[in-house]
PDB file of N, CA and C in Angstrom:
ATOM      1  N   MET A   1      -9.483  21.644   5.836  1.00  0.00           N
ATOM      2  CA  MET A   1      -9.242  22.892   6.579  1.00  0.00           C
ATOM      3  C   MET A   1      -8.183  23.723   5.790  1.00  0.00           C
ATOM      4  N   ARG A   2      -8.510  24.976   5.595  1.00  0.00           N
ATOM      5  CA  ARG A   2      -7.638  25.812   4.878  1.00  0.00           C
ATOM      6  C   ARG A   2      -6.397  26.230   5.747  1.00  0.00           C
ATOM      7  N   LYS A   3      -5.233  26.274   5.086  1.00  0.00           N
ATOM      8  CA  LYS A   3      -4.108  26.740   5.847  1.00  0.00           C
ATOM      9  C   LYS A   3      -4.028  28.254   5.999  1.00  0.00           C
ATOM     10  N   THR A   4      -3.553  28.698   7.135  1.00  0.00           N
ATOM     11  CA  THR A   4      -3.364  30.166   7.353  1.00  0.00           C
ATOM     12  C   THR A   4      -2.188  30.627   6.535  1.00  0.00           C
ATOM     13  N   ARG A   5      -2.074  31.953   6.395  1.00  0.00           N
ATOM     14  CA  ARG A   5      -0.953  32.524   5.682  1.00  0.00           C
ATOM     15  C   ARG A   5       0.377  32.129   6.444  1.00  0.00           C
ATOM     16  N   LEU A   6       0.365  32.117   7.691  1.00  0.00           N
ATOM     17  CA  LEU A   6       1.488  31.721   8.497  1.00  0.00           C
ATOM     18  C   LEU A   6       1.924  30.252   8.198  1.00  0.00           C
ATOM     19  N   GLU A   7       0.904  29.403   8.176  1.00  0.00           N
ATOM     20  CA  GLU A   7       1.224  27.918   7.863  1.00  0.00           C
ATOM     21  C   GLU A   7       1.751  27.729   6.492  1.00  0.00           C
ATOM     22  N   ARG A   8       1.150  28.542   5.513  1.00  0.00           N
ATOM     23  CA  ARG A   8       1.645  28.408   4.120  1.00  0.00           C
ATOM     24  C   ARG A   8       3.050  28.940   4.041  1.00  0.00           C
ATOM     25  N   SER A   9       3.415  30.035   4.649  1.00  0.00           N
ATOM     26  CA  SER A   9       4.769  30.535   4.670  1.00  0.00           C
ATOM     27  C   SER A   9       5.748  29.604   5.362  1.00  0.00           C
ATOM     28  N   LEU A  10       5.379  29.017   6.442  1.00  0.00           N
ATOM     29  CA  LEU A  10       6.261  28.072   7.139  1.00  0.00           C
ATOM     30  C   LEU A  10       6.447  26.862   6.240  1.00  0.00           C
ATOM     31  N   GLN A  11       5.440  26.351   5.658  1.00  0.00           N
ATOM     32  CA  GLN A  11       5.536  25.210   4.762  1.00  0.00           C
ATOM     33  C   GLN A  11       6.452  25.493   3.595  1.00  0.00           C
ATOM     34  N   SER A  12       6.389  26.652   3.011  1.00  0.00           N
ATOM     35  CA  SER A  12       7.243  27.123   1.915  1.00  0.00           C
ATOM     36  C   SER A  12       8.714  27.138   2.354  1.00  0.00           C
ATOM     37  N   GLU A  13       8.904  27.725   3.612  1.00  0.00           N
ATOM     38  CA  GLU A  13      10.294  27.818   4.080  1.00  0.00           C
ATOM     39  C   GLU A  13      10.856  26.433   4.369  1.00  0.00           C
ATOM     40  N   THR A  14       9.970  25.528   4.904  1.00  0.00           N
ATOM     41  CA  THR A  14      10.407  24.146   5.172  1.00  0.00           C
ATOM     42  C   THR A  14      10.812  23.497   3.882  1.00  0.00           C
ATOM     43  N   GLU A  15       9.950  23.635   2.855  1.00  0.00           N
ATOM     44  CA  GLU A  15      10.256  22.991   1.565  1.00  0.00           C
ATOM     45  C   GLU A  15      11.558  23.537   0.967  1.00  0.00           C
ATOM     46  N   ASP A  16      11.848  24.890   1.106  1.00  0.00           N
ATOM     47  CA  ASP A  16      13.081  25.448   0.589  1.00  0.00           C
ATOM     48  C   ASP A  16      14.248  24.796   1.335  1.00  0.00           C
ATOM     49  N   TRP A  17      14.205  24.664   2.665  1.00  0.00           N
ATOM     50  CA  TRP A  17      15.291  24.012   3.368  1.00  0.00           C
ATOM     51  C   TRP A  17      15.507  22.660   2.934  1.00  0.00           C
ATOM     52  N   LEU A  18      14.481  21.922   2.688  1.00  0.00           N
ATOM     53  CA  LEU A  18      14.585  20.447   2.312  1.00  0.00           C
ATOM     54  C   LEU A  18      15.141  20.365   0.899  1.00  0.00           C
ATOM     55  N   ARG A  19      14.673  21.255  -0.016  1.00  0.00           N
ATOM     56  CA  ARG A  19      15.132  21.263  -1.378  1.00  0.00           C
ATOM     57  C   ARG A  19      16.648  21.541  -1.465  1.00  0.00           C
ATOM     58  N   GLN A  20      17.093  22.373  -0.581  1.00  0.00           N
ATOM     59  CA  GLN A  20      18.485  22.733  -0.535  1.00  0.00           C
ATOM     60  C   GLN A  20      19.434  21.616   0.115  1.00  0.00           C
ATOM     61  N   GLY A  21      18.687  20.653   0.665  1.00  0.00           N
ATOM     62  CA  GLY A  21      19.380  19.521   1.294  1.00  0.00           C
ATOM     63  C   GLY A  21      19.956  19.876   2.652  1.00  0.00           C
ATOM     64  N   LYS A  22      19.491  20.884   3.200  1.00  0.00           N
ATOM     65  CA  LYS A  22      19.963  21.325   4.561  1.00  0.00           C
ATOM     66  C   LYS A  22      19.203  20.553   5.667  1.00  0.00           C
ATOM     67  N   GLN A  23      19.917  20.164   6.622  1.00  0.00           N
ATOM     68  CA  GLN A  23      19.317  19.459   7.695  1.00  0.00           C
ATOM     69  C   GLN A  23      19.392  20.296   8.999  1.00  0.00           C
ATOM     70  N   LEU A  24      18.410  20.047   9.833  1.00  0.00           N
ATOM     71  CA  LEU A  24      18.324  20.813  11.009  1.00  0.00           C
ATOM     72  C   LEU A  24      19.619  20.848  11.892  1.00  0.00           C
ATOM     73  N   ARG A  25      20.276  19.760  12.020  1.00  0.00           N
ATOM     74  CA  ARG A  25      21.452  19.673  12.886  1.00  0.00           C
ATOM     75  C   ARG A  25      22.633  20.415  12.258  1.00  0.00           C
ATOM     76  N   ASP A  26      22.634  20.768  10.996  1.00  0.00           N
ATOM     77  CA  ASP A  26      23.743  21.472  10.281  1.00  0.00           C
ATOM     78  C   ASP A  26      23.682  22.929  10.416  1.00  0.00           C
ATOM     79  N   PHE A  27      22.601  23.495  10.852  1.00  0.00           N
ATOM     80  CA  PHE A  27      22.544  24.937  10.823  1.00  0.00           C
ATOM     81  C   PHE A  27      22.053  25.563  12.120  1.00  0.00           C
ATOM     82  N   PHE A  28      22.878  26.490  12.589  1.00  0.00           N
ATOM     83  CA  PHE A  28      22.583  27.183  13.802  1.00  0.00           C
ATOM     84  C   PHE A  28      21.409  28.102  13.452  1.00  0.00           C
ATOM     85  N   GLY A  29      20.451  28.269  14.380  1.00  0.00           N
ATOM     86  CA  GLY A  29      19.315  29.214  14.173  1.00  0.00           C
ATOM     87  C   GLY A  29      18.165  28.561  13.493  1.00  0.00           C
ATOM     88  N   VAL A  30      18.240  27.280  13.098  1.00  0.00           N
ATOM     89  CA  VAL A  30      17.099  26.695  12.445  1.00  0.00           C
ATOM     90  C   VAL A  30      16.451  25.643  13.452  1.00  0.00           C
ATOM     91  N   ALA A  31      15.135  25.764  13.599  1.00  0.00           N
ATOM     92  CA  ALA A  31      14.509  24.922  14.658  1.00  0.00           C
ATOM     93  C   ALA A  31      13.211  24.468  14.058  1.00  0.00           C
ATOM     94  N   THR A  32      12.632  23.457  14.698  1.00  0.00           N
ATOM     95  CA  THR A  32      11.343  23.048  14.393  1.00  0.00           C
ATOM     96  C   THR A  32      10.333  23.889  15.153  1.00  0.00           C
ATOM     97  N   VAL A  33       9.231  24.211  14.458  1.00  0.00           N
ATOM     98  CA  VAL A  33       8.141  24.928  15.117  1.00  0.00           C
ATOM     99  C   VAL A  33       6.862  24.113  14.847  1.00  0.00           C
ATOM    100  N   GLU A  34       6.087  24.031  15.916  1.00  0.00           N
ATOM    101  CA  GLU A  34       4.784  23.215  15.844  1.00  0.00           C
ATOM    102  C   GLU A  34       3.643  24.136  15.901  1.00  0.00           C
ATOM    103  N   ILE A  35       2.792  24.048  14.827  1.00  0.00           N
ATOM    104  CA  ILE A  35       1.559  24.790  14.829  1.00  0.00           C
ATOM    105  C   ILE A  35       0.444  23.908  14.400  1.00  0.00           C
ATOM    106  N   ASN A  36      -0.627  23.877  15.230  1.00  0.00           N
ATOM    107  CA  ASN A  36      -1.745  22.994  14.972  1.00  0.00           C
ATOM    108  C   ASN A  36      -1.353  21.558  14.748  1.00  0.00           C
ATOM    109  N   GLY A  37      -0.395  21.071  15.494  1.00  0.00           N
ATOM    110  CA  GLY A  37       0.019  19.710  15.425  1.00  0.00           C
ATOM    111  C   GLY A  37       0.926  19.336  14.274  1.00  0.00           C
ATOM    112  N   LYS A  38       1.320  20.357  13.429  1.00  0.00           N
ATOM    113  CA  LYS A  38       2.202  20.030  12.335  1.00  0.00           C
ATOM    114  C   LYS A  38       3.566  20.703  12.583  1.00  0.00           C
ATOM    115  N   ARG A  39       4.625  20.068  12.212  1.00  0.00           N
ATOM    116  CA  ARG A  39       5.999  20.526  12.390  1.00  0.00           C
ATOM    117  C   ARG A  39       6.529  21.205  11.193  1.00  0.00           C
ATOM    118  N   TYR A  40       7.192  22.342  11.352  1.00  0.00           N
ATOM    119  CA  TYR A  40       7.815  23.038  10.250  1.00  0.00           C
ATOM    120  C   TYR A  40       9.243  23.386  10.675  1.00  0.00           C
ATOM    121  N   LEU A  41      10.084  23.611   9.663  1.00  0.00           N
ATOM    122  CA  LEU A  41      11.367  24.146   9.921  1.00  0.00           C
ATOM    123  C   LEU A  41      11.301  25.627   9.792  1.00  0.00           C
ATOM    124  N   ALA A  42      11.952  26.395  10.709  1.00  0.00           N
ATOM    125  CA  ALA A  42      11.873  27.822  10.704  1.00  0.00           C
ATOM    126  C   ALA A  42      13.266  28.380  11.011  1.00  0.00           C
ATOM    127  N   SER A  43      13.600  29.415  10.220  1.00  0.00           N
ATOM    128  CA  SER A  43      14.898  30.083  10.355  1.00  0.00           C
ATOM    129  C   SER A  43      14.809  30.957  11.552  1.00  0.00           C
ATOM    130  N   GLU A  44      16.018  31.457  12.007  1.00  0.00           N
ATOM    131  CA  GLU A  44      16.076  32.323  13.145  1.00  0.00           C
ATOM    132  C   GLU A  44      15.153  33.568  12.920  1.00  0.00           C
ATOM    133  N   GLU A  45      15.206  34.116  11.718  1.00  0.00           N
ATOM    134  CA  GLU A  45      14.421  35.313  11.394  1.00  0.00           C
ATOM    135  C   GLU A  45      12.940  35.012  11.535  1.00  0.00           C
ATOM    136  N   THR A  46      12.547  33.926  11.044  1.00  0.00           N
ATOM    137  CA  THR A  46      11.101  33.580  11.131  1.00  0.00           C
ATOM    138  C   THR A  46      10.721  33.354  12.516  1.00  0.00           C
ATOM    139  N   GLN A  47      11.521  32.777  13.346  1.00  0.00           N
ATOM    140  CA  GLN A  47      11.245  32.555  14.768  1.00  0.00           C
ATOM    141  C   GLN A  47      11.082  33.940  15.459  1.00  0.00           C
ATOM    142  N   ARG A  48      11.900  34.892  15.136  1.00  0.00           N
ATOM    143  CA  ARG A  48      11.730  36.271  15.736  1.00  0.00           C
ATOM    144  C   ARG A  48      10.338  36.797  15.393  1.00  0.00           C
ATOM    145  N   VAL A  49       9.964  36.654  14.120  1.00  0.00           N
ATOM    146  CA  VAL A  49       8.666  37.205  13.691  1.00  0.00           C
ATOM    147  C   VAL A  49       7.553  36.494  14.440  1.00  0.00           C
ATOM    148  N   LEU A  50       7.684  35.177  14.537  1.00  0.00           N
ATOM    149  CA  LEU A  50       6.652  34.423  15.312  1.00  0.00           C
ATOM    150  C   LEU A  50       6.544  34.871  16.729  1.00  0.00           C
ATOM    151  N   ASN A  51       7.665  35.111  17.396  1.00  0.00           N
ATOM    152  CA  ASN A  51       7.676  35.607  18.755  1.00  0.00           C
ATOM    153  C   ASN A  51       7.036  36.950  18.858  1.00  0.00           C
ATOM    154  N   LYS A  52       7.290  37.812  17.941  1.00  0.00           N
ATOM    155  CA  LYS A  52       6.692  39.173  17.952  1.00  0.00           C
ATOM    156  C   LYS A  52       5.167  39.053  17.765  1.00  0.00           C
ATOM    157  N   GLU A  53       4.683  38.145  16.918  1.00  0.00           N
ATOM    158  CA  GLU A  53       3.252  38.008  16.759  1.00  0.00           C
ATOM    159  C   GLU A  53       2.630  37.518  18.001  1.00  0.00           C
ATOM    160  N   VAL A  54       3.240  36.549  18.730  1.00  0.00           N
ATOM    161  CA  VAL A  54       2.723  36.051  19.915  1.00  0.00           C
ATOM    162  C   VAL A  54       2.637  37.157  20.992  1.00  0.00           C
ATOM    163  N   VAL A  55       3.665  37.951  21.045  1.00  0.00           N
ATOM    164  CA  VAL A  55       3.707  39.036  22.060  1.00  0.00           C
ATOM    165  C   VAL A  55       2.661  40.046  21.755  1.00  0.00           C
ATOM    166  N   ASN A  56       2.476  40.346  20.435  1.00  0.00           N
ATOM    167  CA  ASN A  56       1.502  41.382  20.069  1.00  0.00           C
ATOM    168  C   ASN A  56       0.014  40.897  20.261  1.00  0.00           C
ATOM    169  N   VAL A  57      -0.189  39.642  20.161  1.00  0.00           N
ATOM    170  CA  VAL A  57      -1.561  39.081  20.336  1.00  0.00           C
ATOM    171  C   VAL A  57      -1.968  39.221  21.828  1.00  0.00           C
ATOM    172  N   ARG A  58      -1.031  39.086  22.711  1.00  0.00           N
ATOM    173  CA  ARG A  58      -1.345  39.125  24.104  1.00  0.00           C
ATOM    174  C   ARG A  58      -1.666  40.521  24.502  1.00  0.00           C
TER     175      ARG A  58
END
């Protein structure tokens, strides 16, 4: 199955956080996001964008 642009972006952001050695518990505004059964790390800014997309879809 091909990944969506959103999934690729979240994967990239997750990998960046992990590469920098940052852990979820150490940073305010970073949370896990689950899409299609996969978990990603997302910054506060990414979460805002995701929330806007969900609202706009409705």
